[in-house]
Amino acid sequence: MSFNIFIVEVAIIISVGLLLYFNGYSGLRKKPKIKKNQIKVACVGDSITYGFGLSNWPKNNYPRQLQKLLGKDYNVANFGVSGSCAGTFADLPYVRTKVYLKSLEYNSDILVFMIGSNDSKYQNWTNKEQFKKEYLALLNSYKKDGNIRIYLCTIAKAFFKKDDSIFTNYKIQPDKVEEIAEIIKEIANENGYSLIDVNELTKYHHEWFSEDQVHPNKEGALAIAKLVYESIIASE
């Protein structure tokens, strides 16, 4: 292989890597750089938290937009994992990811918890009791420090990809999305957690979603960030 061909191949690899990163497909994220006395906010969730498919991902994912809204007194970290589930018997349990361990190590002051969309997939869904049990087990793993403030987010609306389909894209079941949203409301009410109703926020806003009708676009991510911001500030 000539040196020129090698340089071209390296350039292509770098270009593809950057393209994936800046469009929310890489799964990569920067390690949080925490300054003294900052309030640490952990955004835990799936691809909607991560910002899957977002153009200019580093600036437009909802945790990043939340950081801008909260300002320098806060450190907001994105611990979203695309495809992850609350359930441990699902195809990608959040607890089995490296990001989960990093989210625990972050030792947050505030937890913004939005997961469950992928649990609604036909291959992952079991029943209400099982989901509730595993959701609470994951949530409770963050409660080692009794001072942590917890905000539970209902999961975003999922729209049908076409009128004659029983699924959205990615085999998400819209009726189960609504059921899971109600379960999360129930958990928040039973445990005294602050509720952020992302499902209600997104219910009538097709325009806030990308072409797959599952993942929020820049405007949708900003709307979620604003709702989370308002909830956090209201509790100060």
Protein backbone atom coordinates (compact mmCIF):
# COMPACT_ATOMS: atom_id res chain seq x y z
CA MET A 1 0.00 0.00 0.00
CA SER A 2 1.43 3.37 -0.96
CA PHE A 3 1.67 6.17 1.55
CA ASN A 4 -0.83 8.29 -0.43
CA ILE A 5 -3.45 5.54 -0.40
CA PHE A 6 -2.91 5.12 3.35
CA ILE A 7 -3.47 8.85 3.92
CA VAL A 8 -6.67 8.77 1.85
CA GLU A 9 -8.02 5.79 3.80
CA VAL A 10 -7.24 7.46 7.12
CA ALA A 11 -8.93 10.64 5.93
CA ILE A 12 -12.03 8.66 4.93
CA ILE A 13 -12.16 6.89 8.29
CA ILE A 14 -11.84 10.20 10.14
CA SER A 15 -14.49 11.82 7.94
CA VAL A 16 -16.96 8.98 8.49
CA GLY A 17 -16.27 9.04 12.23
CA LEU A 18 -16.91 12.77 12.41
CA LEU A 19 -20.07 12.41 10.34
CA LEU A 20 -21.40 9.77 12.72
CA TYR A 21 -20.43 11.83 15.77
CA PHE A 22 -21.95 15.10 14.61
CA ASN A 23 -25.19 13.38 13.60
CA GLY A 24 -25.74 11.47 16.83
CA TYR A 25 -24.93 7.99 15.57
CA SER A 26 -21.59 7.28 17.22
CA GLY A 27 -22.63 6.75 20.82
CA LEU A 28 -19.59 8.75 21.91
CA ARG A 29 -19.69 11.53 24.48
CA LYS A 30 -17.20 13.73 26.25
CA LYS A 31 -16.26 13.00 29.84
CA PRO A 32 -17.89 15.59 32.13
CA LYS A 33 -15.48 18.27 33.34
CA ILE A 34 -16.87 19.27 36.70
CA LYS A 35 -15.89 22.56 38.27
CA LYS A 36 -15.88 23.22 42.00
CA ASN A 37 -19.33 23.79 43.54
CA GLN A 38 -21.23 22.95 40.36
CA ILE A 39 -24.54 21.13 40.80
CA LYS A 40 -24.26 17.83 38.93
CA VAL A 41 -27.23 16.85 36.76
CA ALA A 42 -27.27 13.32 35.34
CA CYS A 43 -29.56 12.81 32.35
CA VAL A 44 -30.13 9.06 32.24
CA GLY A 45 -32.07 7.40 29.46
CA ASP A 46 -32.08 5.94 25.98
CA SER A 47 -31.61 7.36 22.48
CA ILE A 48 -33.95 10.28 23.12
CA THR A 49 -31.66 11.40 25.93
CA TYR A 50 -28.54 10.67 23.90
CA GLY A 51 -29.85 12.54 20.86
CA PHE A 52 -29.81 9.82 18.24
CA GLY A 53 -29.87 11.19 14.69
CA LEU A 54 -29.65 14.86 15.68
CA SER A 55 -27.80 17.12 13.29
CA ASN A 56 -25.00 18.97 15.07
CA TRP A 57 -25.40 16.52 17.93
CA PRO A 58 -22.81 18.12 20.28
CA LYS A 59 -24.91 21.30 20.48
CA ASN A 60 -28.46 20.02 19.97
CA ASN A 61 -28.93 16.98 22.21
CA TYR A 62 -31.33 17.81 25.02
CA PRO A 63 -28.83 17.51 27.91
CA ARG A 64 -26.54 19.95 26.11
CA GLN A 65 -29.39 22.38 25.54
CA LEU A 66 -30.35 21.95 29.20
CA GLN A 67 -26.79 22.90 30.15
CA LYS A 68 -27.15 26.16 28.23
CA LEU A 69 -30.42 26.95 29.99
CA LEU A 70 -29.18 26.13 33.49
CA GLY A 71 -25.88 27.97 33.11
CA LYS A 72 -22.44 27.68 34.67
CA ASP A 73 -23.61 26.79 38.19
CA TYR A 74 -24.66 23.39 36.86
CA ASN A 75 -22.85 20.53 35.16
CA VAL A 76 -25.18 18.51 32.95
CA ALA A 77 -23.98 15.09 31.80
CA ASN A 78 -25.52 13.01 29.01
CA PHE A 79 -25.81 9.35 30.02
CA GLY A 80 -28.21 8.30 27.29
CA VAL A 81 -27.65 4.94 25.56
CA SER A 82 -29.43 4.30 22.28
CA GLY A 83 -31.61 1.19 22.37
CA SER A 84 -31.36 0.72 26.13
CA CYS A 85 -34.17 -0.53 28.34
CA ALA A 86 -35.14 -0.49 32.00
CA GLY A 87 -35.85 -4.22 31.84
CA THR A 88 -33.01 -6.63 32.53
CA PHE A 89 -34.45 -9.30 30.23
CA ALA A 90 -34.73 -6.90 27.29
CA ASP A 91 -32.39 -6.87 24.29
CA LEU A 92 -30.23 -4.07 25.76
CA PRO A 93 -30.61 -3.57 29.52
CA TYR A 94 -29.27 -0.18 30.62
CA VAL A 95 -27.63 -1.78 33.67
CA ARG A 96 -25.37 -3.85 31.40
CA THR A 97 -23.84 -0.85 29.67
CA LYS A 98 -20.59 0.89 30.54
CA VAL A 99 -22.44 4.19 30.51
CA TYR A 100 -24.57 2.99 33.43
CA LEU A 101 -21.46 2.53 35.55
CA LYS A 102 -20.21 5.97 34.53
CA SER A 103 -23.55 7.49 35.49
CA LEU A 104 -23.23 6.01 38.98
CA GLU A 105 -19.65 7.22 39.32
CA TYR A 106 -20.80 10.73 38.39
CA ASN A 107 -22.52 10.87 41.80
CA SER A 108 -25.16 13.35 40.70
CA ASP A 109 -27.01 15.89 42.79
CA ILE A 110 -29.97 15.78 40.38
CA LEU A 111 -31.17 12.78 38.38
CA VAL A 112 -33.34 13.31 35.29
CA PHE A 113 -34.59 9.82 34.49
CA MET A 114 -36.26 9.14 31.13
CA ILE A 115 -36.29 5.52 30.03
CA GLY A 116 -38.89 3.03 28.84
CA SER A 117 -39.41 3.70 25.14
CA ASN A 118 -37.49 0.58 24.10
CA ASP A 119 -39.25 -1.50 26.74
CA SER A 120 -42.39 -0.96 24.67
CA LYS A 121 -40.99 -3.02 21.79
CA TYR A 122 -42.89 -6.26 21.26
CA GLN A 123 -39.81 -8.38 22.01
CA ASN A 124 -39.11 -6.53 25.27
CA TRP A 125 -42.54 -5.93 26.79
CA THR A 126 -43.81 -8.34 29.46
CA ASN A 127 -46.40 -6.70 31.68
CA LYS A 128 -46.97 -3.72 33.94
CA GLU A 129 -45.82 -5.43 37.13
CA GLN A 130 -42.52 -6.59 35.64
CA PHE A 131 -41.76 -3.23 34.05
CA LYS A 132 -42.54 -1.38 37.27
CA LYS A 133 -40.32 -3.71 39.29
CA GLU A 134 -37.33 -3.36 36.98
CA TYR A 135 -37.80 0.37 36.45
CA LEU A 136 -37.74 0.89 40.23
CA ALA A 137 -34.71 -1.38 40.65
CA LEU A 138 -32.75 0.71 38.14
CA LEU A 139 -33.97 3.98 39.63
CA ASN A 140 -33.17 2.95 43.19
CA SER A 141 -29.58 2.15 42.28
CA TYR A 142 -29.02 5.93 42.09
CA LYS A 143 -30.34 6.56 45.61
CA LYS A 144 -27.24 5.69 47.61
CA ASP A 145 -27.01 9.34 48.56
CA GLY A 146 -30.26 10.38 50.20
CA ASN A 147 -29.76 13.99 49.07
CA ILE A 148 -30.23 13.27 45.38
CA ARG A 149 -33.17 15.05 43.73
CA ILE A 150 -35.05 12.82 41.32
CA TYR A 151 -37.16 13.87 38.35
CA LEU A 152 -39.04 11.16 36.51
CA CYS A 153 -39.85 11.86 32.87
CA THR A 154 -42.63 10.11 31.05
CA ILE A 155 -41.45 8.82 27.69
CA ALA A 156 -42.00 10.78 24.49
CA LYS A 157 -44.91 10.13 22.17
CA ALA A 158 -44.21 7.62 19.38
CA PHE A 159 -46.05 8.20 16.11
CA PHE A 160 -47.09 5.58 13.58
CA LYS A 161 -44.85 5.41 10.53
CA LYS A 162 -47.91 4.85 8.30
CA ASP A 163 -51.64 4.57 8.78
CA ASP A 164 -51.88 0.79 8.33
CA SER A 165 -49.03 -0.11 10.68
CA ILE A 166 -49.39 -1.55 14.18
CA PHE A 167 -45.86 -0.43 15.08
CA THR A 168 -43.85 2.75 14.86
CA ASN A 169 -40.31 2.52 13.54
CA TYR A 170 -37.98 0.26 15.57
CA LYS A 171 -40.98 -1.97 16.48
CA ILE A 172 -42.08 0.35 19.28
CA GLN A 173 -45.73 -0.22 20.22
CA PRO A 174 -47.53 3.12 20.63
CA ASP A 175 -50.18 1.68 22.95
CA LYS A 176 -47.44 0.39 25.25
CA VAL A 177 -45.72 3.78 25.15
CA GLU A 178 -48.90 5.29 26.57
CA GLU A 179 -49.19 2.51 29.16
CA ILE A 180 -45.59 3.01 30.25
CA ALA A 181 -46.14 6.76 30.55
CA GLU A 182 -49.03 6.06 32.93
CA ILE A 183 -46.91 3.62 34.95
CA ILE A 184 -44.19 6.26 35.35
CA LYS A 185 -46.80 8.74 36.56
CA GLU A 186 -47.95 6.15 39.08
CA ILE A 187 -44.39 5.55 40.31
CA ALA A 188 -43.79 9.29 40.72
CA ASN A 189 -47.03 9.70 42.66
CA GLU A 190 -46.42 6.71 44.93
CA ASN A 191 -42.86 7.75 45.78
CA GLY A 192 -43.17 11.53 45.90
CA TYR A 193 -40.88 12.16 42.90
CA SER A 194 -41.21 15.22 40.70
CA LEU A 195 -42.84 14.32 37.38
CA ILE A 196 -41.88 15.82 34.03
CA ASP A 197 -44.56 14.86 31.52
CA VAL A 198 -42.62 14.60 28.25
CA ASN A 199 -45.35 12.39 26.80
CA GLU A 200 -47.96 15.12 27.19
CA LEU A 201 -45.50 17.74 25.92
CA THR A 202 -44.85 15.87 22.67
CA LYS A 203 -48.29 14.34 22.09
CA TYR A 204 -49.48 16.79 19.45
CA HIS A 205 -46.18 17.84 17.91
CA HIS A 206 -45.24 15.72 14.91
CA GLU A 207 -43.06 18.63 13.80
CA TRP A 208 -40.74 18.08 16.77
CA PHE A 209 -39.67 14.66 15.47
CA SER A 210 -37.27 13.43 12.84
CA GLU A 211 -38.43 11.48 9.81
CA ASP A 212 -38.53 8.25 11.83
CA GLN A 213 -41.27 9.81 14.01
CA VAL A 214 -39.63 8.42 17.16
CA HIS A 215 -36.59 10.61 17.84
CA PRO A 216 -36.96 14.33 18.56
CA ASN A 217 -35.28 16.78 16.19
CA LYS A 218 -33.50 19.94 17.33
CA GLU A 219 -36.75 21.71 18.15
CA GLY A 220 -38.11 18.68 20.02
CA ALA A 221 -34.92 18.31 22.03
CA LEU A 222 -35.07 22.00 22.93
CA ALA A 223 -38.71 21.66 24.02
CA ILE A 224 -37.75 18.77 26.31
CA ALA A 225 -34.77 20.71 27.67
CA LYS A 226 -36.99 23.70 28.45
CA LEU A 227 -39.52 21.55 30.29
CA VAL A 228 -36.79 19.89 32.35
CA TYR A 229 -35.22 23.29 33.04
CA GLU A 230 -38.52 24.73 34.25
CA SER A 231 -39.04 21.76 36.57
CA ILE A 232 -35.56 22.02 38.09
CA ILE A 233 -35.73 25.78 38.58
CA ALA A 234 -39.19 25.55 40.10
CA SER A 235 -37.77 23.29 42.82
CA GLU A 236 -34.88 25.58 43.72
